[in-house]
C-alpha cells in the first residue's frame, strides 16, 4: 500500500526515505551509464548503449519529459502513474541542476542541454563501436 505522505521525500536528503533513496540511486546509475557507457570496450554493451540512448530520449518525449523510474516511484507511493506532489517527476535532472548549478535554469534549457549531451555521447559510442569493428 502506498505511503500516505506520497512523494514528499524528494531532493532533500534529510527527507528522502528508503524508497526515495532506491530510486535516486537507480537514477544515478542510469545517468552514469549514459555518461560513461560509450567507453565500454565490449561489442554487446555498446550495441545496448546505442539502442538505450535513443530509447531513453524517445521515452522522455512520449512520457512528457518524465522518466519511467519516477513514474514507478509514483505508482508505488500513490497508486498513480503520475503524482503532482513529486517534484522530481519529469524534472529529476532539472532539480539537481537547480540545486547545484542555478535555480534559474529552465526546463527548455535543460532539455536542450540534455539532448545535446546525449547526442554527443551517442556519437562517441558509435565511434567506439565502429573502431571495435575495424581495429
Protein backbone atom coordinates (compact mmCIF):
# COMPACT_ATOMS: atom_id res chain seq x y z
CA UNK A 1 0.00 0.00 0.00
CA UNK A 2 1.38 3.45 -0.89
CA UNK A 3 2.56 5.61 1.95
CA UNK A 4 0.13 8.40 2.96
CA UNK A 5 2.80 11.08 2.60
CA UNK A 6 3.06 10.38 -1.14
CA UNK A 7 6.20 11.68 -2.79
CA UNK A 8 7.13 14.28 -0.23
CA UNK A 9 10.53 12.63 0.27
CA UNK A 10 12.23 14.29 -2.68
CA UNK A 11 15.54 16.05 -3.40
CA UNK A 12 16.23 16.83 0.26
CA UNK A 13 18.48 14.15 1.76
CA UNK A 14 17.03 14.62 5.23
CA UNK A 15 13.51 13.98 3.87
CA UNK A 16 14.31 11.16 1.43
CA UNK A 17 13.05 7.79 2.67
CA UNK A 18 14.36 4.33 1.73
CA UNK A 19 12.23 4.08 -1.40
CA UNK A 20 13.35 7.57 -2.41
CA UNK A 21 16.98 6.57 -1.95
CA UNK A 22 16.50 3.39 -4.02
CA UNK A 23 15.04 5.32 -6.95
CA UNK A 24 17.54 8.17 -6.57
CA UNK A 25 20.46 5.73 -6.79
CA UNK A 26 18.87 3.91 -9.72
CA UNK A 27 18.66 7.26 -11.49
CA UNK A 28 22.31 7.97 -10.77
CA UNK A 29 23.34 4.55 -12.09
CA UNK A 30 21.42 5.15 -15.32
CA UNK A 31 22.91 8.65 -15.66
CA UNK A 32 26.40 7.24 -15.04
CA UNK A 33 25.89 4.56 -17.71
CA UNK A 34 24.61 7.17 -20.17
CA UNK A 35 27.67 9.34 -19.44
CA UNK A 36 30.27 6.56 -19.43
CA UNK A 37 28.79 3.60 -21.30
CA UNK A 38 30.38 4.65 -24.58
CA UNK A 39 33.76 3.78 -23.04
CA UNK A 40 32.94 0.11 -22.50
CA UNK A 41 35.10 -2.00 -24.85
CA UNK A 42 32.53 -4.79 -25.22
CA UNK A 43 30.64 -5.10 -28.50
CA UNK A 44 27.32 -6.22 -26.94
CA UNK A 45 27.45 -3.48 -24.29
CA UNK A 46 27.99 -0.85 -26.99
CA UNK A 47 25.08 -2.18 -29.05
CA UNK A 48 22.91 -1.98 -25.92
CA UNK A 49 24.21 1.56 -25.29
CA UNK A 50 23.49 2.66 -28.87
CA UNK A 51 19.91 1.41 -28.54
CA UNK A 52 19.44 2.65 -24.95
CA UNK A 53 20.19 6.33 -25.54
CA UNK A 54 17.61 6.90 -28.30
CA UNK A 55 15.13 4.76 -26.33
CA UNK A 56 15.58 6.96 -23.26
CA UNK A 57 15.15 10.12 -25.33
CA UNK A 58 12.06 8.72 -27.06
CA UNK A 59 10.62 7.60 -23.74
CA UNK A 60 11.03 11.15 -22.38
CA UNK A 61 9.24 12.57 -25.42
CA UNK A 62 6.35 10.12 -25.22
CA UNK A 63 6.12 10.40 -21.41
CA UNK A 64 6.08 14.24 -21.33
CA UNK A 65 9.67 14.67 -20.05
CA UNK A 66 9.12 12.20 -17.25
CA UNK A 67 11.29 9.19 -16.57
CA UNK A 68 9.75 5.77 -16.12
CA UNK A 69 11.71 5.46 -12.84
CA UNK A 70 9.88 8.50 -11.44
CA UNK A 71 6.58 7.09 -12.66
CA UNK A 72 7.28 3.75 -10.98
CA UNK A 73 8.08 5.51 -7.71
CA UNK A 74 4.83 7.49 -8.01
CA UNK A 75 2.89 4.32 -8.75
CA UNK A 76 4.32 2.60 -5.67
CA UNK A 77 3.71 5.63 -3.44
CA UNK A 78 0.38 6.94 -4.65
CA UNK A 79 -1.11 4.19 -6.80
CA UNK A 80 -0.98 6.58 -9.78
CA UNK A 81 1.45 6.71 -12.71
CA UNK A 82 1.73 10.49 -12.25
CA UNK A 83 2.00 12.22 -8.89
CA UNK A 84 1.80 16.03 -8.98
CA UNK A 85 3.34 16.13 -5.48
CA UNK A 86 6.59 14.58 -6.77
CA UNK A 87 8.81 17.49 -7.86
CA UNK A 88 11.32 15.09 -9.42
CA UNK A 89 8.75 13.54 -11.74
CA UNK A 90 9.63 14.92 -15.14
CA UNK A 91 12.40 17.02 -13.63
CA UNK A 92 14.97 14.78 -11.95
CA UNK A 93 17.98 16.33 -13.69
CA UNK A 94 16.37 19.78 -13.65
CA UNK A 95 16.02 19.66 -9.87
CA UNK A 96 19.64 18.57 -9.50
CA UNK A 97 20.80 21.38 -11.82
CA UNK A 98 18.69 23.95 -9.97
CA UNK A 99 20.13 22.78 -6.68
CA UNK A 100 23.79 22.63 -7.75
CA UNK A 101 24.17 24.99 -10.73
CA UNK A 102 21.49 27.70 -10.79
CA UNK A 103 17.92 27.97 -9.54
CA UNK A 104 17.08 29.90 -12.73
CA UNK A 105 17.66 27.06 -15.21
CA UNK A 106 14.51 26.45 -17.25
CA UNK A 107 13.10 23.17 -18.43
CA UNK A 108 13.71 24.16 -22.07
CA UNK A 109 17.37 24.94 -21.33
CA UNK A 110 17.80 21.60 -19.56
CA UNK A 111 16.13 19.70 -22.41
CA UNK A 112 18.39 21.38 -24.98
CA UNK A 113 21.45 20.60 -22.89
CA UNK A 114 20.43 17.03 -22.08
CA UNK A 115 19.59 16.10 -25.68
CA UNK A 116 22.80 17.71 -26.94
CA UNK A 117 24.94 15.85 -24.41
CA UNK A 118 23.13 12.58 -25.15
CA UNK A 119 23.71 13.07 -28.88
CA UNK A 120 27.42 13.64 -28.22
CA UNK A 121 27.59 10.52 -26.03
CA UNK A 122 25.73 8.51 -28.66
CA UNK A 123 28.18 9.72 -31.31
CA UNK A 124 31.10 8.74 -29.08
CA UNK A 125 29.52 5.33 -28.56
CA UNK A 126 29.04 4.87 -32.30
CA UNK A 127 32.63 5.88 -32.95
CA UNK A 128 33.88 3.42 -30.34
CA UNK A 129 31.65 0.68 -31.75
CA UNK A 130 32.94 1.25 -35.29
CA UNK A 131 36.56 1.25 -34.08
CA UNK A 132 35.95 -2.12 -32.42
CA UNK A 133 34.61 -3.49 -35.70
CA UNK A 134 37.61 -2.19 -37.66
CA UNK A 135 40.64 -2.16 -35.35
